[in-house]
Amino acid sequence: MRQLLAASMLALLLPGLALAQPQDAERQLDAVRELVMRARFADAVRSARTYLDRTDLNAYDRNAGLEVLATAQIANREPADAEQTLLLLYSRDPGHRLTDADASPPVISAFARARESHPQPVPVRIEHTPPRLTERAPPELRVSLPEGADAVSEVQLTYRIAGEGSSRVVMTRRDDGAYTARIPVVGDAASATDVAYFIVAMAPSLTPLASRGSAAEPLQLQIPAESSTGSDSERPPVFAQPVDTTPTTPEEGGGSVIEEWWFWTLIVALVAGGVTVGVVLGTQQSPEEGTLGSVRLMQIEW
């Protein structure tokens, strides 16, 4: 008896345990599509709503769920609900295309009408501050989406480095929901590098939902030049010694002997006495002998 009760309780608990386990989003949506194919439209509507209640869906999976829900509502003769679902779908992604190649004419027509009605896009807000760079290194750009993030499939960065062509990259989504990307450093390291860029948030169909900057009015940043260690600009300045322009008075003595008064007085005296004197300045040779013999002048030490 106890074993029978335990088996009965286990049988009651197993379905609940199975439902409690998270199911892969793609497999869950495939199950909803299968209900539509089997013409179980009411069940498909309920299952699609359950799928859309998930909080872990990305933009592509959520839009796919809205497409299946609208299809099931049209097939289940719920045109008003289908219209609201389609308006929500095309407000999230104005460029959405019906993916069901076997869709019925009523479904194709309903999707076309909703697309051409151009509903107001969901508000998507991009927060970004251009970085202030202090060294020559690849700058990291960071973007956050405080509003409308669940409608964004990817964030694209388009940049142009001065003297180079334009480049476009898909920014990486972090665990905290922010998007980041780095711009490479190219060009002459001795001079600063100017970069123009803009950022666009895209729907799954790659339709722009919001942007910061544009091709016509891009955001700007400047990567500084590389500073070389020990360059002349970093050395302490060398000041020239001041030049003394004050005129100097010649020191007494130390000049040429021929400029002294006593030298010429002695010469006059010797000539008057009939003595021929040969004076050789700046040499150590003795004076030539005359007819009266040689006379040795007195050396005076200074």
C-alpha atoms as a PDB file:
ATOM      1  CA  MET A   1       0.000   0.000   0.000  1.00  0.00           C
ATOM      2  CA  ARG A   2       2.819   2.355   0.923  1.00  0.00           C
ATOM      3  CA  GLN A   3       4.603   1.582  -2.334  1.00  0.00           C
ATOM      4  CA  LEU A   4       1.448   2.375  -4.302  1.00  0.00           C
ATOM      5  CA  LEU A   5       1.062   5.741  -2.542  1.00  0.00           C
ATOM      6  CA  ALA A   6       4.719   6.614  -3.171  1.00  0.00           C
ATOM      7  CA  ALA A   7       4.374   5.748  -6.838  1.00  0.00           C
ATOM      8  CA  SER A   8       1.211   7.846  -7.118  1.00  0.00           C
ATOM      9  CA  MET A   9       2.901  10.861  -5.481  1.00  0.00           C
ATOM     10  CA  LEU A  10       5.923  10.501  -7.753  1.00  0.00           C
ATOM     11  CA  ALA A  11       3.686  10.405 -10.795  1.00  0.00           C
ATOM     12  CA  LEU A  12       2.028  13.634  -9.672  1.00  0.00           C
ATOM     13  CA  LEU A  13       5.347  15.377  -8.971  1.00  0.00           C
ATOM     14  CA  LEU A  14       7.201  14.425 -12.159  1.00  0.00           C
ATOM     15  CA  PRO A  15       5.198  16.669 -14.549  1.00  0.00           C
ATOM     16  CA  GLY A  16       5.691  19.618 -12.222  1.00  0.00           C
ATOM     17  CA  LEU A  17       9.421  18.942 -11.995  1.00  0.00           C
ATOM     18  CA  ALA A  18       9.644  18.694 -15.771  1.00  0.00           C
ATOM     19  CA  LEU A  19       7.852  22.036 -16.190  1.00  0.00           C
ATOM     20  CA  ALA A  20      10.043  23.668 -13.536  1.00  0.00           C
ATOM     21  CA  GLN A  21      13.262  22.873 -15.427  1.00  0.00           C
ATOM     22  CA  PRO A  22      14.322  25.607 -17.875  1.00  0.00           C
ATOM     23  CA  GLN A  23      13.736  24.573 -21.450  1.00  0.00           C
ATOM     24  CA  ASP A  24      15.884  25.657 -24.365  1.00  0.00           C
ATOM     25  CA  ALA A  25      14.240  28.646 -26.019  1.00  0.00           C
ATOM     26  CA  GLU A  26      14.617  27.323 -29.548  1.00  0.00           C
ATOM     27  CA  ARG A  27      13.150  23.918 -28.699  1.00  0.00           C
ATOM     28  CA  GLN A  28      10.292  25.548 -26.840  1.00  0.00           C
ATOM     29  CA  LEU A  29       9.473  27.737 -29.843  1.00  0.00           C
ATOM     30  CA  ASP A  30       9.667  24.753 -32.175  1.00  0.00           C
ATOM     31  CA  ALA A  31       7.062  23.059 -29.989  1.00  0.00           C
ATOM     32  CA  VAL A  32       4.753  26.071 -30.453  1.00  0.00           C
ATOM     33  CA  ARG A  33       5.221  25.907 -34.235  1.00  0.00           C
ATOM     34  CA  GLU A  34       4.353  22.224 -34.121  1.00  0.00           C
ATOM     35  CA  LEU A  35       1.057  23.030 -32.404  1.00  0.00           C
ATOM     36  CA  VAL A  36       0.241  25.498 -35.214  1.00  0.00           C
ATOM     37  CA  MET A  37       1.067  22.866 -37.824  1.00  0.00           C
ATOM     38  CA  ARG A  38      -1.266  20.424 -36.092  1.00  0.00           C
ATOM     39  CA  ALA A  39      -4.055  23.070 -36.112  1.00  0.00           C
ATOM     40  CA  ARG A  40      -4.085  23.261 -32.329  1.00  0.00           C
ATOM     41  CA  PHE A  41      -4.283  27.037 -32.493  1.00  0.00           C
ATOM     42  CA  ALA A  42      -5.628  27.746 -29.006  1.00  0.00           C
ATOM     43  CA  ASP A  43      -2.874  25.632 -27.451  1.00  0.00           C
ATOM     44  CA  ALA A  44      -0.347  27.371 -29.689  1.00  0.00           C
ATOM     45  CA  VAL A  45      -1.499  30.800 -28.455  1.00  0.00           C
ATOM     46  CA  ARG A  46      -1.151  29.761 -24.806  1.00  0.00           C
ATOM     47  CA  SER A  47       2.250  28.160 -25.383  1.00  0.00           C
ATOM     48  CA  ALA A  48       3.500  31.190 -27.302  1.00  0.00           C
ATOM     49  CA  ARG A  49       2.513  33.518 -24.460  1.00  0.00           C
ATOM     50  CA  THR A  50       4.307  31.263 -21.989  1.00  0.00           C
ATOM     51  CA  TYR A  51       7.381  31.396 -24.203  1.00  0.00           C
ATOM     52  CA  LEU A  52       7.268  35.211 -24.336  1.00  0.00           C
ATOM     53  CA  ASP A  53       7.077  35.374 -20.532  1.00  0.00           C
ATOM     54  CA  ARG A  54      10.689  34.200 -20.383  1.00  0.00           C
ATOM     55  CA  THR A  55      13.190  36.805 -19.225  1.00  0.00           C
ATOM     56  CA  ASP A  56      16.230  35.259 -20.924  1.00  0.00           C
ATOM     57  CA  LEU A  57      15.178  35.857 -24.536  1.00  0.00           C
ATOM     58  CA  ASN A  58      17.390  37.912 -26.792  1.00  0.00           C
ATOM     59  CA  ALA A  59      15.937  40.318 -29.375  1.00  0.00           C
ATOM     60  CA  TYR A  60      15.923  37.751 -32.182  1.00  0.00           C
ATOM     61  CA  ASP A  61      14.188  35.025 -30.111  1.00  0.00           C
ATOM     62  CA  ARG A  62      11.573  37.440 -28.744  1.00  0.00           C
ATOM     63  CA  ASN A  63      10.662  38.705 -32.215  1.00  0.00           C
ATOM     64  CA  ALA A  64      10.437  35.128 -33.457  1.00  0.00           C
ATOM     65  CA  GLY A  65       8.018  34.352 -30.614  1.00  0.00           C
ATOM     66  CA  LEU A  66       5.867  37.379 -31.524  1.00  0.00           C
ATOM     67  CA  GLU A  67       5.704  36.171 -35.127  1.00  0.00           C
ATOM     68  CA  VAL A  68       4.505  32.702 -34.077  1.00  0.00           C
ATOM     69  CA  LEU A  69       1.992  34.177 -31.614  1.00  0.00           C
ATOM     70  CA  ALA A  70       0.505  36.483 -34.275  1.00  0.00           C
ATOM     71  CA  THR A  71       0.269  33.562 -36.712  1.00  0.00           C
ATOM     72  CA  ALA A  72      -1.547  31.425 -34.133  1.00  0.00           C
ATOM     73  CA  GLN A  73      -3.913  34.292 -33.252  1.00  0.00           C
ATOM     74  CA  ILE A  74      -4.823  34.865 -36.904  1.00  0.00           C
ATOM     75  CA  ALA A  75      -5.465  31.142 -37.372  1.00  0.00           C
ATOM     76  CA  ASN A  76      -7.529  31.044 -34.156  1.00  0.00           C
ATOM     77  CA  ARG A  77      -9.697  33.936 -35.416  1.00  0.00           C
ATOM     78  CA  GLU A  78      -8.389  36.532 -32.987  1.00  0.00           C
ATOM     79  CA  PRO A  79      -7.758  39.457 -35.401  1.00  0.00           C
ATOM     80  CA  ALA A  80      -7.696  42.229 -32.769  1.00  0.00           C
ATOM     81  CA  ASP A  81      -5.138  40.409 -30.621  1.00  0.00           C
ATOM     82  CA  ALA A  82      -3.121  39.531 -33.734  1.00  0.00           C
ATOM     83  CA  GLU A  83      -3.057  43.182 -34.769  1.00  0.00           C
ATOM     84  CA  GLN A  84      -1.702  44.263 -31.376  1.00  0.00           C
ATOM     85  CA  THR A  85       0.948  41.543 -31.499  1.00  0.00           C
ATOM     86  CA  LEU A  86       2.042  42.621 -34.971  1.00  0.00           C
ATOM     87  CA  LEU A  87       2.191  46.293 -33.969  1.00  0.00           C
ATOM     88  CA  LEU A  88       4.482  45.342 -31.087  1.00  0.00           C
ATOM     89  CA  LEU A  89       6.621  43.220 -33.413  1.00  0.00           C
ATOM     90  CA  TYR A  90       7.092  45.983 -35.987  1.00  0.00           C
ATOM     91  CA  SER A  91       7.690  48.623 -33.326  1.00  0.00           C
ATOM     92  CA  ARG A  92      10.593  46.508 -32.127  1.00  0.00           C
ATOM     93  CA  ASP A  93      11.866  45.779 -35.630  1.00  0.00           C
ATOM     94  CA  PRO A  94      10.473  47.889 -38.498  1.00  0.00           C
ATOM     95  CA  GLY A  95      12.342  45.735 -41.010  1.00  0.00           C
ATOM     96  CA  HIS A  96      11.072  42.345 -39.809  1.00  0.00           C
ATOM     97  CA  ARG A  97      10.289  39.801 -42.557  1.00  0.00           C
ATOM     98  CA  LEU A  98       7.905  36.863 -42.178  1.00  0.00           C
ATOM     99  CA  THR A  99      10.094  33.764 -41.861  1.00  0.00           C
ATOM    100  CA  ASP A 100       7.338  31.145 -42.447  1.00  0.00           C
ATOM    101  CA  ALA A 101       7.636  30.222 -46.124  1.00  0.00           C
ATOM    102  CA  ASP A 102       4.367  28.225 -45.890  1.00  0.00           C
ATOM    103  CA  ALA A 103       2.294  31.009 -44.322  1.00  0.00           C
ATOM    104  CA  SER A 104      -1.314  31.306 -45.497  1.00  0.00           C
ATOM    105  CA  PRO A 105      -2.523  34.329 -47.503  1.00  0.00           C
ATOM    106  CA  PRO A 106      -4.391  35.827 -44.510  1.00  0.00           C
ATOM    107  CA  VAL A 107      -1.197  35.649 -42.447  1.00  0.00           C
ATOM    108  CA  ILE A 108       0.927  37.198 -45.233  1.00  0.00           C
ATOM    109  CA  SER A 109      -1.621  39.973 -45.711  1.00  0.00           C
ATOM    110  CA  ALA A 110      -1.824  40.765 -41.978  1.00  0.00           C
ATOM    111  CA  PHE A 111       1.964  40.996 -41.667  1.00  0.00           C
ATOM    112  CA  ALA A 112       2.203  43.246 -44.736  1.00  0.00           C
ATOM    113  CA  ARG A 113      -0.435  45.637 -43.360  1.00  0.00           C
ATOM    114  CA  ALA A 114       1.292  45.891 -40.018  1.00  0.00           C
ATOM    115  CA  ARG A 115       4.654  46.504 -41.658  1.00  0.00           C
ATOM    116  CA  GLU A 116       3.306  49.253 -43.913  1.00  0.00           C
ATOM    117  CA  SER A 117       1.568  50.989 -41.006  1.00  0.00           C
ATOM    118  CA  HIS A 118       4.982  51.984 -39.620  1.00  0.00           C
ATOM    119  CA  PRO A 119       4.170  51.858 -35.901  1.00  0.00           C
ATOM    120  CA  GLN A 120       6.137  54.075 -33.546  1.00  0.00           C
ATOM    121  CA  PRO A 121       9.496  52.376 -32.836  1.00  0.00           C
ATOM    122  CA  VAL A 122      10.222  51.357 -29.276  1.00  0.00           C
ATOM    123  CA  PRO A 123      12.431  53.959 -27.559  1.00  0.00           C
ATOM    124  CA  VAL A 124      16.073  52.906 -27.505  1.00  0.00           C
ATOM    125  CA  ARG A 125      18.593  55.121 -25.721  1.00  0.00           C
ATOM    126  CA  ILE A 126      22.367  54.915 -26.109  1.00  0.00           C
ATOM    127  CA  GLU A 127      24.655  56.246 -23.397  1.00  0.00           C
ATOM    128  CA  HIS A 128      28.257  56.894 -24.393  1.00  0.00           C
ATOM    129  CA  THR A 129      30.984  59.346 -23.409  1.00  0.00           C
ATOM    130  CA  PRO A 130      34.030  59.753 -25.680  1.00  0.00           C
ATOM    131  CA  PRO A 131      37.105  58.777 -23.662  1.00  0.00           C
ATOM    132  CA  ARG A 132      39.817  61.276 -22.710  1.00  0.00           C
ATOM    133  CA  LEU A 133      43.105  59.714 -23.739  1.00  0.00           C
ATOM    134  CA  THR A 134      46.435  60.366 -22.026  1.00  0.00           C
ATOM    135  CA  GLU A 135      48.650  57.818 -23.791  1.00  0.00           C
ATOM    136  CA  ARG A 136      49.071  56.341 -27.251  1.00  0.00           C
ATOM    137  CA  ALA A 137      47.179  53.057 -26.881  1.00  0.00           C
ATOM    138  CA  PRO A 138      44.090  51.505 -28.552  1.00  0.00           C
ATOM    139  CA  PRO A 139      41.158  53.368 -26.969  1.00  0.00           C
ATOM    140  CA  GLU A 140      38.257  51.314 -25.606  1.00  0.00           C
ATOM    141  CA  LEU A 141      34.781  52.642 -26.340  1.00  0.00           C
ATOM    142  CA  ARG A 142      31.972  51.668 -23.971  1.00  0.00           C
ATOM    143  CA  VAL A 143      28.234  51.871 -24.684  1.00  0.00           C
ATOM    144  CA  SER A 144      25.250  51.151 -22.437  1.00  0.00           C
ATOM    145  CA  LEU A 145      21.569  50.847 -23.333  1.00  0.00           C
ATOM    146  CA  PRO A 146      19.507  52.019 -20.346  1.00  0.00           C
ATOM    147  CA  GLU A 147      16.308  51.848 -22.418  1.00  0.00           C
ATOM    148  CA  GLY A 148      15.114  49.447 -25.129  1.00  0.00           C
ATOM    149  CA  ALA A 149      18.010  47.003 -24.741  1.00  0.00           C
ATOM    150  CA  ASP A 150      15.806  43.913 -25.287  1.00  0.00           C
ATOM    151  CA  ALA A 151      14.945  45.144 -28.811  1.00  0.00           C
ATOM    152  CA  VAL A 152      18.594  45.517 -29.840  1.00  0.00           C
ATOM    153  CA  SER A 153      20.273  42.626 -31.578  1.00  0.00           C
ATOM    154  CA  GLU A 154      23.727  44.185 -31.979  1.00  0.00           C
ATOM    155  CA  VAL A 155      25.587  47.480 -31.653  1.00  0.00           C
ATOM    156  CA  GLN A 156      27.824  48.552 -34.520  1.00  0.00           C
ATOM    157  CA  LEU A 157      30.796  50.913 -34.337  1.00  0.00           C
ATOM    158  CA  THR A 158      31.894  52.695 -37.523  1.00  0.00           C
ATOM    159  CA  TYR A 159      35.134  54.675 -37.326  1.00  0.00           C
ATOM    160  CA  ARG A 160      37.539  56.478 -39.630  1.00  0.00           C
ATOM    161  CA  ILE A 161      41.159  57.209 -38.754  1.00  0.00           C
ATOM    162  CA  ALA A 162      42.673  60.278 -40.401  1.00  0.00           C
ATOM    163  CA  GLY A 163      44.340  59.202 -43.631  1.00  0.00           C
ATOM    164  CA  GLU A 164      42.633  55.766 -43.601  1.00  0.00           C
ATOM    165  CA  GLY A 165      39.351  54.321 -44.893  1.00  0.00           C
ATOM    166  CA  SER A 166      36.235  53.639 -42.827  1.00  0.00           C
ATOM    167  CA  SER A 167      35.918  50.456 -40.764  1.00  0.00           C
ATOM    168  CA  ARG A 168      32.925  48.840 -39.084  1.00  0.00           C
ATOM    169  CA  VAL A 169      32.911  46.373 -36.189  1.00  0.00           C
ATOM    170  CA  VAL A 170      30.259  44.723 -34.038  1.00  0.00           C
ATOM    171  CA  MET A 171      30.757  45.698 -30.419  1.00  0.00           C
ATOM    172  CA  THR A 172      31.109  42.944 -27.828  1.00  0.00           C
ATOM    173  CA  ARG A 173      28.298  42.565 -25.309  1.00  0.00           C
ATOM    174  CA  ARG A 174      29.519  42.147 -21.731  1.00  0.00           C
ATOM    175  CA  ASP A 175      27.841  40.263 -18.925  1.00  0.00           C
ATOM    176  CA  ASP A 176      26.683  43.550 -17.400  1.00  0.00           C
ATOM    177  CA  GLY A 177      24.836  44.453 -20.622  1.00  0.00           C
ATOM    178  CA  ALA A 178      27.379  47.031 -21.795  1.00  0.00           C
ATOM    179  CA  TYR A 179      28.962  46.944 -25.253  1.00  0.00           C
ATOM    180  CA  THR A 180      32.672  47.572 -25.824  1.00  0.00           C
ATOM    181  CA  ALA A 181      35.121  47.782 -28.725  1.00  0.00           C
ATOM    182  CA  ARG A 182      38.669  49.011 -29.296  1.00  0.00           C
ATOM    183  CA  ILE A 183      39.966  51.204 -32.096  1.00  0.00           C
ATOM    184  CA  PRO A 184      43.455  50.246 -33.351  1.00  0.00           C
ATOM    185  CA  VAL A 185      46.287  52.776 -33.298  1.00  0.00           C
ATOM    186  CA  VAL A 186      47.865  53.435 -36.703  1.00  0.00           C
ATOM    187  CA  GLY A 187      49.867  56.227 -38.288  1.00  0.00           C
ATOM    188  CA  ASP A 188      52.954  58.154 -37.279  1.00  0.00           C
ATOM    189  CA  ALA A 189      53.569  57.714 -33.558  1.00  0.00           C
ATOM    190  CA  ALA A 190      55.330  61.061 -33.404  1.00  0.00           C
ATOM    191  CA  SER A 191      52.082  62.952 -34.010  1.00  0.00           C
ATOM    192  CA  ALA A 192      48.537  62.725 -32.624  1.00  0.00           C
ATOM    193  CA  THR A 193      45.927  60.667 -34.514  1.00  0.00           C
ATOM    194  CA  ASP A 194      42.407  62.009 -35.088  1.00  0.00           C
ATOM    195  CA  VAL A 195      39.494  59.541 -35.140  1.00  0.00           C
ATOM    196  CA  ALA A 196      35.876  60.161 -36.220  1.00  0.00           C
ATOM    197  CA  TYR A 197      33.222  57.579 -35.294  1.00  0.00           C
ATOM    198  CA  PHE A 198      29.548  56.878 -34.680  1.00  0.00           C
ATOM    199  CA  ILE A 199      27.552  54.119 -32.951  1.00  0.00           C
ATOM    200  CA  VAL A 200      24.297  52.476 -34.103  1.00  0.00           C
ATOM    201  CA  ALA A 201      21.984  50.075 -32.223  1.00  0.00           C
ATOM    202  CA  MET A 202      20.458  47.519 -34.621  1.00  0.00           C
ATOM    203  CA  ALA A 203      17.284  45.428 -34.605  1.00  0.00           C
ATOM    204  CA  PRO A 204      17.533  41.745 -35.659  1.00  0.00           C
ATOM    205  CA  SER A 205      16.808  42.767 -39.286  1.00  0.00           C
ATOM    206  CA  LEU A 206      19.752  45.229 -38.987  1.00  0.00           C
ATOM    207  CA  THR A 207      17.350  48.163 -39.065  1.00  0.00           C
ATOM    208  CA  PRO A 208      18.780  51.082 -37.043  1.00  0.00           C
ATOM    209  CA  LEU A 209      16.888  51.791 -33.821  1.00  0.00           C
ATOM    210  CA  ALA A 210      19.122  54.474 -32.275  1.00  0.00           C
ATOM    211  CA  SER A 211      22.502  56.078 -32.810  1.00  0.00           C
ATOM    212  CA  ARG A 212      25.153  58.338 -31.292  1.00  0.00           C
ATOM    213  CA  GLY A 213      26.764  60.461 -33.959  1.00  0.00           C
ATOM    214  CA  SER A 214      26.375  59.871 -37.689  1.00  0.00           C
ATOM    215  CA  ALA A 215      28.379  59.721 -40.882  1.00  0.00           C
ATOM    216  CA  ALA A 216      27.621  63.408 -41.469  1.00  0.00           C
ATOM    217  CA  GLU A 217      28.244  64.495 -37.845  1.00  0.00           C
ATOM    218  CA  PRO A 218      30.542  61.917 -36.223  1.00  0.00           C
ATOM    219  CA  LEU A 219      31.906  61.916 -32.712  1.00  0.00           C
ATOM    220  CA  GLN A 220      35.570  62.843 -32.364  1.00  0.00           C
ATOM    221  CA  LEU A 221      38.533  61.691 -30.305  1.00  0.00           C
ATOM    222  CA  GLN A 222      42.292  62.201 -30.528  1.00  0.00           C
ATOM    223  CA  ILE A 223      44.916  59.566 -29.770  1.00  0.00           C
ATOM    224  CA  PRO A 224      47.950  61.440 -28.411  1.00  0.00           C
ATOM    225  CA  ALA A 225      51.444  61.168 -29.871  1.00  0.00           C
ATOM    226  CA  GLU A 226      53.886  58.765 -28.316  1.00  0.00           C
ATOM    227  CA  SER A 227      56.169  60.430 -25.759  1.00  0.00           C
ATOM    228  CA  SER A 228      59.790  59.241 -25.976  1.00  0.00           C
ATOM    229  CA  THR A 229      61.685  58.780 -22.683  1.00  0.00           C
ATOM    230  CA  GLY A 230      64.726  60.974 -22.327  1.00  0.00           C
ATOM    231  CA  SER A 231      63.813  63.240 -25.183  1.00  0.00           C
ATOM    232  CA  ASP A 232      65.075  66.801 -25.369  1.00  0.00           C
ATOM    233  CA  SER A 233      61.670  68.054 -24.257  1.00  0.00           C
ATOM    234  CA  GLU A 234      62.034  66.161 -20.942  1.00  0.00           C
ATOM    235  CA  ARG A 235      65.606  67.267 -20.185  1.00  0.00           C
ATOM    236  CA  PRO A 236      66.173  70.265 -17.883  1.00  0.00           C
ATOM    237  CA  PRO A 237      66.916  73.414 -19.869  1.00  0.00           C
ATOM    238  CA  VAL A 238      70.545  74.447 -20.211  1.00  0.00           C
ATOM    239  CA  PHE A 239      70.993  78.186 -19.778  1.00  0.00           C
ATOM    240  CA  ALA A 240      73.903  79.966 -21.495  1.00  0.00           C
ATOM    241  CA  GLN A 241      76.413  81.716 -19.265  1.00  0.00           C
ATOM    242  CA  PRO A 242      75.970  85.498 -19.374  1.00  0.00           C
ATOM    243  CA  VAL A 243      78.546  87.314 -21.425  1.00  0.00           C
ATOM    244  CA  ASP A 244      80.321  90.177 -19.623  1.00  0.00           C
ATOM    245  CA  THR A 245      80.260  93.119 -21.994  1.00  0.00           C
ATOM    246  CA  THR A 246      81.909  95.548 -19.551  1.00  0.00           C
ATOM    247  CA  PRO A 247      85.044  96.988 -21.181  1.00  0.00           C
ATOM    248  CA  THR A 248      88.228  95.957 -19.384  1.00  0.00           C
ATOM    249  CA  THR A 249      91.159  98.239 -18.551  1.00  0.00           C
ATOM    250  CA  PRO A 250      94.497  96.836 -19.711  1.00  0.00           C
ATOM    251  CA  GLU A 251      96.774  95.812 -16.862  1.00  0.00           C
ATOM    252  CA  GLU A 252      99.878  97.875 -16.341  1.00  0.00           C
ATOM    253  CA  GLY A 253     103.014  96.209 -17.623  1.00  0.00           C
ATOM    254  CA  GLY A 254     103.223  93.042 -19.581  1.00  0.00           C
ATOM    255  CA  GLY A 255     103.064  94.945 -22.926  1.00  0.00           C
ATOM    256  CA  SER A 256     105.710  95.205 -25.619  1.00  0.00           C
ATOM    257  CA  VAL A 257     109.064  96.764 -24.592  1.00  0.00           C
ATOM    258  CA  ILE A 258     108.991  99.166 -27.494  1.00  0.00           C
ATOM    259  CA  GLU A 259     105.941 100.822 -25.924  1.00  0.00           C
ATOM    260  CA  GLU A 260     107.966 101.858 -22.817  1.00  0.00           C
ATOM    261  CA  TRP A 261     109.402 105.426 -22.608  1.00  0.00           C
ATOM    262  CA  TRP A 262     112.717 104.382 -21.182  1.00  0.00           C
ATOM    263  CA  PHE A 263     113.463 102.154 -24.189  1.00  0.00           C
ATOM    264  CA  TRP A 264     113.430 105.015 -26.650  1.00  0.00           C
ATOM    265  CA  THR A 265     115.349 107.285 -24.299  1.00  0.00           C
ATOM    266  CA  LEU A 266     118.133 104.680 -24.184  1.00  0.00           C
ATOM    267  CA  ILE A 267     118.170 104.351 -27.948  1.00  0.00           C
ATOM    268  CA  VAL A 268     118.495 108.111 -28.458  1.00  0.00           C
ATOM    269  CA  ALA A 269     121.347 108.213 -25.982  1.00  0.00           C
ATOM    270  CA  LEU A 270     123.239 105.417 -27.702  1.00  0.00           C
ATOM    271  CA  VAL A 271     122.826 106.935 -31.157  1.00  0.00           C
ATOM    272  CA  ALA A 272     124.040 110.276 -29.880  1.00  0.00           C
ATOM    273  CA  GLY A 273     127.163 108.530 -28.575  1.00  0.00           C
ATOM    274  CA  GLY A 274     127.896 107.043 -32.016  1.00  0.00           C
ATOM    275  CA  VAL A 275     126.839 103.590 -31.168  1.00  0.00           C
ATOM    276  CA  THR A 276     124.810 101.602 -33.705  1.00  0.00           C
ATOM    277  CA  VAL A 277     122.366  99.372 -32.015  1.00  0.00           C
ATOM    278  CA  GLY A 278     120.651  96.401 -33.675  1.00  0.00           C
ATOM    279  CA  VAL A 279     117.610  95.434 -31.937  1.00  0.00           C
ATOM    280  CA  VAL A 280     115.871  92.216 -32.869  1.00  0.00           C
ATOM    281  CA  LEU A 281     112.474  91.882 -31.181  1.00  0.00           C
ATOM    282  CA  GLY A 282     110.936  88.548 -30.247  1.00  0.00           C
ATOM    283  CA  THR A 283     114.078  86.451 -31.018  1.00  0.00           C
ATOM    284  CA  GLN A 284     117.028  85.100 -29.027  1.00  0.00           C
ATOM    285  CA  GLN A 285     119.721  85.950 -31.698  1.00  0.00           C
ATOM    286  CA  SER A 286     122.580  88.286 -30.737  1.00  0.00           C
ATOM    287  CA  PRO A 287     122.872  91.677 -32.512  1.00  0.00           C
ATOM    288  CA  GLU A 288     125.328  91.924 -35.400  1.00  0.00           C
ATOM    289  CA  GLU A 289     128.712  93.370 -34.575  1.00  0.00           C
ATOM    290  CA  GLY A 290     129.475  96.889 -35.881  1.00  0.00           C
ATOM    291  CA  THR A 291     132.753  98.708 -36.355  1.00  0.00           C
ATOM    292  CA  LEU A 292     132.703  99.817 -32.771  1.00  0.00           C
ATOM    293  CA  GLY A 293     132.181  96.339 -31.403  1.00  0.00           C
ATOM    294  CA  SER A 294     129.164  94.881 -29.736  1.00  0.00           C
ATOM    295  CA  VAL A 295     127.292  96.356 -26.835  1.00  0.00           C
ATOM    296  CA  ARG A 296     125.210  94.123 -24.557  1.00  0.00           C
ATOM    297  CA  LEU A 297     122.140  95.837 -23.275  1.00  0.00           C
ATOM    298  CA  MET A 298     121.096  95.370 -19.724  1.00  0.00           C
ATOM    299  CA  GLN A 299     118.343  92.763 -19.259  1.00  0.00           C
ATOM    300  CA  ILE A 300     115.491  93.811 -17.146  1.00  0.00           C
ATOM    301  CA  GLU A 301     113.347  91.112 -15.546  1.00  0.00           C
ATOM    302  CA  TRP A 302     109.517  91.700 -15.257  1.00  0.00           C
END
